[in-house]
């Protein structure tokens, strides 16, 4: 009986100990391996480092071929260089001029001074104010033998706020001629015009020189394609007589005679003038307001072409 009680107590002790034993902790699963870190791209290095757990692997690559992106970039650079080389030099020069001093602007000139202009025309003796018919018939001239030349030195254009509006002036030396149809011989050192008819004279004419200063308001257009500029101006002039001579050819002595004396010409010359140009064609006209000689009312009209050098 005693033995049965001891076995029963032992059994109860074992049961109680079994209930007090803690539940065993399940085993910890193994740690997964560390994934390899992304290699750092170094454009200047050919070495790649890979970390696998506690190991480090180095991969060395020999670059023998360029990547597609690098090739595309280099192709773009080469194309740009080729385009720059093929660009016209004028474009680069223009860009250089614009960038060299962008604040500098072209200024319009206030005046323009040249060297020489030439007026070439004919003299027409006008008798509209003369009442003596005999005098009109005797002093009839040959227009296309009565030439006129004017050398305009230092022709000056003064621009009035625009290149198309200007004042024009110069210092002119005028050389004029009047050739008569009749055979006339003129007396000299007289206060007025005195002449006689002489059948032995083949040709008689006057030569006279003036120094004069013109002043004109002139308007011109911009350049027109295929034509040039169109312009028109009006003004006046004043001058002084500096030389006069009578020239004739005689049958008796077969010689040409020039007499440099006073033949009654007016000392001062003044009048109205007009000019026009249509591209390369330039015309002018000068009308004297004063008489040619002191004792009559003959006036002179001068017209022709002018050449602007």
Protein backbone atom coordinates (compact mmCIF):
# COMPACT_ATOMS: atom_id res chain seq x y z
CA UNK A 1 0.00 0.00 0.00
CA UNK A 2 2.80 2.29 0.89
CA UNK A 3 4.41 1.61 -2.45
CA UNK A 4 1.28 2.49 -4.33
CA UNK A 5 1.04 5.84 -2.53
CA UNK A 6 4.64 6.68 -3.49
CA UNK A 7 4.04 5.80 -7.17
CA UNK A 8 0.92 7.92 -7.18
CA UNK A 9 2.82 10.92 -5.71
CA UNK A 10 5.62 10.47 -8.24
CA UNK A 11 3.15 10.42 -11.09
CA UNK A 12 1.42 13.57 -9.88
CA UNK A 13 4.79 15.36 -9.55
CA UNK A 14 5.74 14.43 -13.11
CA UNK A 15 2.40 15.67 -14.42
CA UNK A 16 2.72 18.95 -12.61
CA UNK A 17 6.28 19.47 -13.87
CA UNK A 18 5.20 18.74 -17.39
CA UNK A 19 2.51 21.44 -17.20
CA UNK A 20 4.98 24.07 -15.87
CA UNK A 21 7.53 23.57 -18.71
CA UNK A 22 7.36 26.66 -21.06
CA UNK A 23 6.43 26.20 -24.63
CA UNK A 24 9.61 25.91 -26.63
CA UNK A 25 10.40 28.93 -28.91
CA UNK A 26 10.41 27.96 -32.56
CA UNK A 27 13.82 28.17 -34.13
CA UNK A 28 14.75 31.51 -35.82
CA UNK A 29 14.79 31.21 -39.57
CA UNK A 30 18.15 31.79 -41.17
CA UNK A 31 18.96 35.40 -42.23
CA UNK A 32 18.72 35.82 -46.00
CA UNK A 33 21.91 36.86 -47.70
CA UNK A 34 22.44 40.55 -48.18
CA UNK A 35 21.62 41.50 -51.79
CA UNK A 36 24.52 42.91 -53.73
CA UNK A 37 24.61 46.70 -53.65
CA UNK A 38 24.18 48.52 -56.93
CA UNK A 39 27.56 49.36 -58.35
CA UNK A 40 28.38 53.05 -58.26
CA UNK A 41 28.86 54.31 -61.78
CA UNK A 42 32.00 56.25 -62.15
CA UNK A 43 32.45 57.59 -65.60
CA UNK A 44 36.13 58.01 -64.99
CA UNK A 45 36.64 54.47 -63.44
CA UNK A 46 36.54 50.99 -65.03
CA UNK A 47 36.19 49.17 -61.64
CA UNK A 48 32.85 47.88 -60.24
CA UNK A 49 32.54 46.81 -56.58
CA UNK A 50 29.88 44.26 -55.51
CA UNK A 51 29.17 43.47 -51.81
CA UNK A 52 27.84 39.96 -51.04
CA UNK A 53 27.44 39.65 -47.28
CA UNK A 54 30.83 39.95 -45.80
CA UNK A 55 32.49 39.52 -49.17
CA UNK A 56 33.45 42.19 -51.69
CA UNK A 57 33.90 41.37 -55.32
CA UNK A 58 35.73 43.78 -57.69
CA UNK A 59 35.02 43.60 -61.40
CA UNK A 60 37.50 45.36 -63.70
CA UNK A 61 36.21 46.09 -67.20
CA UNK A 62 38.37 47.04 -70.20
CA UNK A 63 36.40 49.59 -72.22
CA UNK A 64 37.18 49.00 -75.83
CA UNK A 65 33.93 50.36 -77.26
CA UNK A 66 32.13 53.58 -76.45
CA UNK A 67 28.54 53.56 -75.34
CA UNK A 68 25.81 54.53 -77.70
CA UNK A 69 24.99 57.67 -75.71
CA UNK A 70 28.57 58.88 -75.83
CA UNK A 71 28.77 58.22 -79.55
CA UNK A 72 25.55 60.17 -80.12
CA UNK A 73 26.86 63.08 -78.05
CA UNK A 74 30.13 63.16 -79.97
CA UNK A 75 28.26 62.97 -83.29
CA UNK A 76 26.17 65.99 -82.27
CA UNK A 77 29.30 67.93 -81.34
CA UNK A 78 30.96 67.04 -84.66
CA UNK A 79 27.87 68.09 -86.61
CA UNK A 80 27.79 71.42 -84.78
CA UNK A 81 31.46 72.02 -85.55
CA UNK A 82 30.86 71.23 -89.22
CA UNK A 83 27.94 73.63 -89.35
CA UNK A 84 30.07 76.38 -87.81
CA UNK A 85 32.81 75.78 -90.37
CA UNK A 86 30.35 75.83 -93.28
CA UNK A 87 28.64 79.05 -92.10
CA UNK A 88 29.44 82.08 -94.30
CA UNK A 89 32.10 84.40 -93.01
CA UNK A 90 29.79 87.39 -93.37
CA UNK A 91 27.46 85.96 -90.74
CA UNK A 92 30.30 85.59 -88.23
CA UNK A 93 31.60 89.07 -89.03
CA UNK A 94 28.14 90.56 -88.57
CA UNK A 95 27.64 88.77 -85.27
CA UNK A 96 31.08 89.90 -84.13
CA UNK A 97 30.30 93.50 -85.01
CA UNK A 98 26.96 93.36 -83.22
CA UNK A 99 28.45 91.77 -80.10
CA UNK A 100 31.59 93.89 -80.03
CA UNK A 101 29.76 97.08 -79.20
CA UNK A 102 25.97 96.63 -79.11
CA UNK A 103 25.41 100.12 -77.66
CA UNK A 104 27.08 101.84 -80.60
CA UNK A 105 24.64 103.01 -83.27
CA UNK A 106 25.27 104.52 -86.67
CA UNK A 107 24.89 108.27 -86.61
CA UNK A 108 23.56 110.23 -89.56
CA UNK A 109 25.93 112.81 -90.94
CA UNK A 110 24.92 116.43 -90.65
CA UNK A 111 26.66 117.43 -93.89
CA UNK A 112 28.48 115.95 -96.86
CA UNK A 113 31.24 117.78 -98.75
CA UNK A 114 32.42 116.60 -102.15
CA UNK A 115 35.18 117.75 -104.47
CA UNK A 116 33.65 118.71 -107.82
CA UNK A 117 30.34 118.86 -109.68
CA UNK A 118 30.01 119.96 -113.30
CA UNK A 119 27.15 121.75 -115.05
CA UNK A 120 27.19 121.53 -118.85
CA UNK A 121 24.57 123.35 -120.87
CA UNK A 122 23.72 126.01 -123.42
CA UNK A 123 22.96 129.76 -123.19
CA UNK A 124 19.74 131.07 -124.71
CA UNK A 125 19.50 134.86 -125.11
CA UNK A 126 15.92 135.91 -124.26
CA UNK A 127 14.40 139.03 -125.82
CA UNK A 128 10.93 138.98 -124.25
CA UNK A 129 11.57 142.35 -122.56
CA UNK A 130 13.18 144.03 -125.61
CA UNK A 131 11.01 146.26 -127.80
CA UNK A 132 13.59 147.15 -130.51
CA UNK A 133 13.00 144.67 -133.33
CA UNK A 134 16.23 145.60 -135.12
CA UNK A 135 18.24 144.88 -131.99
CA UNK A 136 16.47 141.54 -131.59
CA UNK A 137 17.30 140.49 -135.16
CA UNK A 138 20.92 141.63 -135.01
CA UNK A 139 21.72 139.92 -131.72
CA UNK A 140 20.13 136.58 -132.56
CA UNK A 141 22.32 133.78 -131.22
CA UNK A 142 23.07 130.18 -132.10
CA UNK A 143 21.94 128.25 -129.00
CA UNK A 144 23.86 125.06 -129.73
CA UNK A 145 27.04 127.05 -130.34
CA UNK A 146 26.62 129.08 -127.15
CA UNK A 147 27.98 126.70 -124.57
CA UNK A 148 28.19 127.05 -120.83
CA UNK A 149 30.37 125.19 -118.36
CA UNK A 150 30.30 125.56 -114.58
CA UNK A 151 32.80 123.91 -112.27
CA UNK A 152 31.23 123.67 -108.80
CA UNK A 153 34.01 123.18 -106.27
CA UNK A 154 33.38 121.76 -102.79
CA UNK A 155 29.72 120.88 -103.39
CA UNK A 156 28.16 120.75 -99.93
CA UNK A 157 24.96 119.07 -98.79
CA UNK A 158 23.61 120.20 -95.42
CA UNK A 159 21.00 117.69 -94.24
CA UNK A 160 17.93 119.12 -92.53
CA UNK A 161 17.03 116.36 -90.08
CA UNK A 162 16.89 113.73 -92.83
CA UNK A 163 19.08 112.37 -95.61
CA UNK A 164 16.28 113.21 -98.05
CA UNK A 165 16.00 116.95 -97.32
CA UNK A 166 19.03 119.20 -97.70
CA UNK A 167 20.52 122.56 -98.58
CA UNK A 168 22.97 122.44 -101.49
CA UNK A 169 25.71 125.01 -102.11
CA UNK A 170 29.18 125.29 -103.67
CA UNK A 171 31.72 127.71 -105.12
CA UNK A 172 31.24 127.84 -108.89
CA UNK A 173 33.42 129.03 -111.77
CA UNK A 174 31.19 129.62 -114.77
CA UNK A 175 32.55 129.86 -118.33
CA UNK A 176 29.89 131.08 -120.79
CA UNK A 177 29.75 131.81 -124.50
CA UNK A 178 27.33 133.64 -126.80
CA UNK A 179 27.74 133.02 -130.55
CA UNK A 180 25.80 135.28 -132.97
CA UNK A 181 24.24 134.39 -136.31
CA UNK A 182 25.10 137.75 -137.86
CA UNK A 183 28.59 139.03 -138.66
CA UNK A 184 29.07 141.56 -135.89
CA UNK A 185 32.02 143.51 -134.59
CA UNK A 186 31.71 144.97 -131.11
CA UNK A 187 33.33 148.14 -129.82
CA UNK A 188 35.17 147.94 -126.51
CA UNK A 189 35.77 150.32 -123.60
CA UNK A 190 32.24 151.62 -123.82
CA UNK A 191 29.64 151.96 -121.07
CA UNK A 192 27.05 150.15 -123.21
CA UNK A 193 26.82 147.55 -125.96
CA UNK A 194 27.94 149.03 -129.30
CA UNK A 195 28.35 146.99 -132.48
CA UNK A 196 28.59 147.25 -136.28
CA UNK A 197 28.00 144.73 -139.03
CA UNK A 198 31.13 143.56 -140.84
CA UNK A 199 30.82 141.26 -143.85
CA UNK A 200 34.47 140.16 -143.58
CA UNK A 201 33.80 138.41 -140.27
CA UNK A 202 32.86 134.77 -140.42
CA UNK A 203 32.09 134.17 -136.78
CA UNK A 204 31.73 136.45 -133.76
CA UNK A 205 31.15 135.46 -130.14
CA UNK A 206 31.57 136.58 -126.55
CA UNK A 207 33.28 134.64 -123.76
CA UNK A 208 32.65 135.59 -120.14
CA UNK A 209 33.56 134.15 -116.75
CA UNK A 210 31.72 134.44 -113.43
CA UNK A 211 32.45 133.37 -109.88
CA UNK A 212 29.13 132.46 -108.27
CA UNK A 213 27.62 130.85 -105.19
CA UNK A 214 24.33 128.90 -105.47
CA UNK A 215 21.98 127.96 -102.64
CA UNK A 216 19.18 125.44 -103.15
CA UNK A 217 16.62 123.52 -101.10
CA UNK A 218 16.62 119.98 -102.44
CA UNK A 219 14.35 116.99 -101.84
CA UNK A 220 15.12 113.44 -102.88
CA UNK A 221 13.53 110.03 -102.44
CA UNK A 222 14.99 106.80 -101.15
CA UNK A 223 16.65 104.49 -103.64
CA UNK A 224 14.21 102.89 -106.05
CA UNK A 225 15.09 99.48 -107.41
CA UNK A 226 16.25 99.70 -111.01
CA UNK A 227 16.11 103.51 -111.10
CA UNK A 228 18.00 105.05 -108.20
CA UNK A 229 16.85 108.26 -106.57
CA UNK A 230 14.36 110.88 -107.73
CA UNK A 231 14.92 114.45 -106.58
CA UNK A 232 13.93 118.05 -107.19
CA UNK A 233 15.17 121.37 -105.84
CA UNK A 234 14.72 125.13 -106.25
CA UNK A 235 16.91 128.01 -105.19
CA UNK A 236 18.97 130.91 -106.42
CA UNK A 237 22.50 132.10 -107.12
CA UNK A 238 24.59 135.26 -107.11
CA UNK A 239 27.86 135.88 -108.93
CA UNK A 240 30.35 138.46 -110.15
CA UNK A 241 31.87 138.98 -113.60
CA UNK A 242 35.63 138.39 -113.61
CA UNK A 243 36.46 138.16 -117.32
CA UNK A 244 34.97 139.12 -120.72
CA UNK A 245 36.36 138.97 -124.23
CA UNK A 246 35.23 139.29 -127.83
CA UNK A 247 36.37 136.69 -130.32
CA UNK A 248 35.96 136.73 -134.10
CA UNK A 249 37.33 135.10 -137.24
CA UNK A 250 38.06 137.29 -140.27
CA UNK A 251 38.38 136.35 -143.96
CA UNK A 252 40.74 139.23 -144.74
CA UNK A 253 43.56 138.13 -142.47
CA UNK A 254 42.43 134.54 -141.92
CA UNK A 255 43.03 134.72 -138.25
CA UNK A 256 41.27 134.47 -134.97
CA UNK A 257 41.23 137.65 -132.88
CA UNK A 258 40.53 137.82 -129.13
CA UNK A 259 39.95 141.19 -127.48
CA UNK A 260 39.88 141.28 -123.67
CA UNK A 261 38.22 144.58 -122.89
CA UNK A 262 35.03 145.97 -121.39
CA UNK A 263 32.04 145.34 -123.68
CA UNK A 264 29.28 146.61 -121.39
CA UNK A 265 28.40 143.37 -119.55
CA UNK A 266 26.70 143.63 -116.18
CA UNK A 267 29.11 143.21 -113.29
CA UNK A 268 26.71 141.22 -111.11
CA UNK A 269 24.74 138.14 -112.01
CA UNK A 270 21.84 136.75 -109.97
CA UNK A 271 18.78 134.65 -110.66
CA UNK A 272 16.65 131.59 -109.96
CA UNK A 273 17.68 127.99 -110.41
CA UNK A 274 16.10 124.54 -110.43
CA UNK A 275 17.48 121.02 -110.52
CA UNK A 276 15.99 117.58 -110.92
CA UNK A 277 17.33 114.07 -111.20
CA UNK A 278 15.69 110.86 -112.33
CA UNK A 279 18.21 108.19 -111.44
CA UNK A 280 21.24 108.69 -113.67
CA UNK A 281 19.68 111.60 -115.62
CA UNK A 282 20.20 115.00 -113.95
CA UNK A 283 19.05 118.31 -115.43
CA UNK A 284 19.28 121.94 -114.35
CA UNK A 285 18.13 125.40 -115.40
CA UNK A 286 19.33 128.91 -114.41
CA UNK A 287 17.34 132.02 -115.24
CA UNK A 288 19.07 135.41 -114.87
CA UNK A 289 16.98 138.15 -113.29
CA UNK A 290 19.49 140.83 -114.31
CA UNK A 291 20.15 141.88 -117.93
CA UNK A 292 23.21 140.61 -119.78
CA UNK A 293 24.34 144.10 -120.87
CA UNK A 294 23.92 147.35 -119.04
CA UNK A 295 21.94 149.31 -121.66
CA UNK A 296 19.31 146.75 -122.76
CA UNK A 297 16.91 144.16 -121.37
CA UNK A 298 18.27 140.94 -122.85
CA UNK A 299 18.31 138.17 -120.26
CA UNK A 300 19.90 134.75 -120.32
CA UNK A 301 18.54 131.24 -119.77
CA UNK A 302 21.03 128.50 -119.09
CA UNK A 303 19.97 124.83 -119.11
CA UNK A 304 21.55 121.42 -119.50
CA UNK A 305 22.89 118.43 -117.58
CA UNK A 306 24.70 118.27 -114.29
CA UNK A 307 27.09 115.60 -113.13
CA UNK A 308 27.37 114.77 -109.43
CA UNK A 309 30.69 113.08 -108.73
